[in-house]
Protein backbone atom coordinates (compact mmCIF):
# COMPACT_ATOMS: atom_id res chain seq x y z
CA MET A 1 72.81 70.33 92.07
CA ALA A 2 74.49 72.59 94.61
CA ARG A 3 73.50 72.06 98.21
CA THR A 4 72.66 75.08 100.27
CA ARG A 5 73.68 75.36 103.87
CA PRO A 6 70.68 75.06 106.21
CA THR A 7 69.78 78.06 108.32
CA TYR A 8 70.10 78.22 112.08
CA GLU A 9 66.33 77.86 112.52
CA VAL A 10 66.06 74.81 110.25
CA THR A 11 69.06 73.11 111.82
CA ARG A 12 67.83 73.70 115.36
CA ALA A 13 64.31 72.49 114.53
CA LYS A 14 65.64 69.30 112.92
CA LEU A 15 67.89 68.58 115.90
CA VAL A 16 64.94 69.00 118.30
CA VAL A 17 62.88 66.57 116.20
CA ALA A 18 65.82 64.13 116.06
CA SER A 19 66.13 64.29 119.84
CA GLU A 20 62.42 63.56 120.28
CA ARG A 21 62.55 60.64 117.84
CA LEU A 22 65.60 59.16 119.56
CA ARG A 23 63.79 59.35 122.89
CA GLU A 24 60.76 57.59 121.34
CA LEU A 25 63.08 54.83 120.11
CA GLY A 26 64.48 54.34 123.61
CA GLU A 27 67.79 56.05 122.85
CA ALA A 28 67.67 58.52 125.74
CA GLY A 29 71.47 58.80 125.92
CA HIS A 30 71.72 59.99 122.32
CA ALA A 31 68.75 62.30 122.80
CA ASP A 32 70.39 63.81 125.90
CA LEU A 33 73.55 64.42 123.90
CA LEU A 34 71.61 66.33 121.25
CA ASP A 35 69.82 68.29 123.98
CA SER A 36 73.22 69.20 125.45
CA LEU A 37 74.34 70.54 122.08
CA LEU A 38 71.14 72.59 121.79
CA ALA A 39 71.62 74.15 125.23
CA PRO A 40 73.29 77.57 125.57
CA ARG A 41 77.00 77.26 124.70
CA GLY A 42 76.42 73.62 123.79
CA TRP A 43 78.49 74.12 120.64
CA GLU A 44 81.57 74.17 122.90
CA LEU A 45 81.16 70.41 123.29
CA LEU A 46 82.15 70.09 119.62
CA ARG A 47 85.49 71.84 120.12
CA PRO A 48 88.70 70.16 121.32
CA PRO A 49 89.25 70.69 125.06
CA ALA A 50 92.22 73.08 124.66
CA ALA A 51 90.32 75.27 122.21
CA ALA A 52 87.14 75.21 124.28
CA SER A 53 88.93 76.41 127.40
CA GLY A 54 91.02 78.95 125.52
CA SER A 55 93.99 78.06 127.72
CA ALA A 56 96.21 76.23 125.26
CA GLY A 57 94.57 76.94 121.92
CA GLU A 58 95.64 79.35 119.26
CA LYS A 59 95.07 82.98 120.17
CA ASN A 60 94.27 85.83 117.85
CA MET A 61 97.16 87.94 116.60
CA ALA A 62 96.27 91.34 115.18
CA ILE A 63 98.63 92.60 112.48
CA HIS A 64 98.23 96.36 112.01
CA MET A 65 98.53 97.36 108.37
CA ASN A 66 97.19 99.41 105.49
CA LYS A 67 93.48 98.54 105.15
CA ALA A 68 93.67 98.19 101.35
CA ILE A 69 96.54 95.71 101.69
CA ARG A 70 94.68 93.77 104.38
CA ASP A 71 91.65 93.49 102.09
CA ARG A 72 93.85 92.47 99.16
CA LEU A 73 95.60 89.78 101.22
CA LYS A 74 92.22 88.34 102.24
CA GLN A 75 91.06 88.35 98.63
CA LEU A 76 94.25 86.77 97.27
CA ALA A 77 94.22 84.07 99.93
CA GLU A 78 90.58 83.27 99.25
CA GLU A 79 91.17 83.10 95.50
CA ALA A 80 94.08 80.71 96.09
CA GLY A 81 92.01 78.59 98.47
CA ASN A 82 94.40 79.41 101.33
CA VAL A 83 93.82 80.31 104.96
CA LEU A 84 95.92 83.26 106.12
CA SER A 85 96.57 81.70 109.54
CA GLU A 86 98.02 78.63 107.83
CA ASP A 87 100.10 80.88 105.59
CA VAL A 88 101.50 82.57 108.71
CA ASN A 89 102.38 79.13 110.12
CA GLU A 90 104.23 78.37 106.88
CA GLY A 91 106.23 81.59 107.20
CA TYR A 92 106.98 80.90 110.86
CA GLU A 93 108.29 77.43 110.00
CA LYS A 94 110.59 78.83 107.29
CA PHE A 95 111.81 81.60 109.62
CA LEU A 96 112.54 79.16 112.44
CA ALA A 97 114.33 76.76 110.08
CA GLY A 98 116.51 79.60 108.77
CA ARG A 99 115.18 79.15 105.22
CA TRP A 100 113.68 82.65 105.08
CA THR A 101 114.59 86.05 106.50
CA PRO A 102 111.86 88.66 106.92
CA ARG A 103 112.34 92.03 105.24
CA GLN A 104 111.96 95.19 107.27
CA PRO A 105 108.39 96.43 107.03
CA ILE A 106 107.70 99.45 104.87
CA ARG A 107 105.63 102.09 106.61
CA SER A 108 103.17 104.48 105.02
CA ARG A 109 104.38 108.05 104.65
CA ARG A 110 103.75 110.15 107.73
CA GLY A 111 100.59 112.20 107.34
CA SER A 112 99.47 110.25 104.28
CA GLY A 113 96.07 109.62 105.82
CA VAL A 114 96.09 105.98 104.69
CA ALA A 115 93.36 103.97 106.42
CA LYS A 116 94.77 101.31 108.75
CA ALA A 117 93.14 98.11 110.01
CA ASN A 118 94.05 94.89 111.74
CA LEU A 119 94.47 91.60 109.92
CA ASN A 120 93.46 88.99 112.48
CA VAL A 121 95.08 85.57 112.25
CA THR A 122 95.41 82.66 114.66
CA PRO A 123 98.83 81.10 114.13
CA ASP A 124 99.82 77.87 115.84
CA ALA A 125 100.55 78.69 119.50
CA ALA A 126 103.76 76.62 119.65
CA LEU A 127 105.17 78.18 116.46
CA ARG A 128 104.22 81.65 117.64
CA ARG A 129 105.97 81.06 120.97
CA GLN A 130 109.12 79.82 119.19
CA VAL A 131 109.15 82.88 116.92
CA GLY A 132 108.69 85.09 119.99
CA GLU A 133 111.72 83.45 121.58
CA ARG A 134 113.78 84.16 118.44
CA THR A 135 112.79 87.84 117.98
CA ALA A 136 115.48 89.34 120.26
CA ALA A 137 118.25 87.57 118.36
CA ALA A 138 116.68 88.44 115.01
CA THR A 139 116.36 92.10 116.05
CA ALA A 140 120.08 92.23 116.89
CA GLU A 141 120.97 90.44 113.65
CA LEU A 142 118.72 92.40 111.29
CA GLY A 143 118.96 95.86 112.88
CA TRP A 144 115.24 96.53 113.15
CA THR A 145 112.64 95.49 115.73
CA VAL A 146 111.45 92.00 114.82
CA THR A 147 108.12 90.90 116.32
CA GLU A 148 105.83 87.92 115.79
CA ALA A 149 103.40 90.15 113.88
CA ARG A 150 106.14 91.68 111.70
CA VAL A 151 107.45 88.23 110.76
CA ALA A 152 103.90 87.18 109.85
CA SER A 153 103.27 90.38 107.89
CA ALA A 154 106.56 90.15 105.99
CA TRP A 155 105.81 86.55 105.00
CA LEU A 156 102.30 87.39 103.79
CA MET A 157 103.59 90.36 101.77
CA GLU A 158 106.21 88.19 100.11
CA LYS A 159 103.94 85.18 99.54
CA TYR A 160 101.22 87.25 97.91
CA GLY A 161 103.53 89.60 95.98
CA ILE A 162 102.72 92.85 97.78
CA THR A 163 105.47 95.25 96.70
CA ASP A 164 107.36 97.78 98.80
CA GLU A 165 105.75 100.55 96.73
CA GLU A 166 102.26 99.28 97.61
CA GLN A 167 103.18 99.11 101.28
CA ALA A 168 104.55 102.67 101.30
CA LEU A 169 101.30 104.22 100.04
């Protein structure tokens, strides 16, 4: 039998009851911990310190692209059981190791009216920084402006079989 995920209201109510029961059993420390989690922004206690502070954690990277392609990438990744941010990390690792060279992005025809949107991913901060440090050399080598987002986009297009023709629409 498939389990359903409890709602916010049910979860919160059960945690309040658990806190009360722990207090009745003389476990005030555990009850206080649950109360801390139930307080505003208490969920931050469940995150690693770097991610909670936002100072050293992964930051969002918006990749501007054709909206239909963005939606297709999301669908293909979901069907494959993949996470796009992890896919980007994979591409970054191959790029940094010299095992893969990104292809120049294909742009939609000027005036085509194609809807654009951002694909938001959170690549590993250290990998992203290393790719950023390599972009100037890659730009000189490849003859087109290489950016962190373009490396990520090129990898996702290749990994999920998005053709140049689809990108040019």
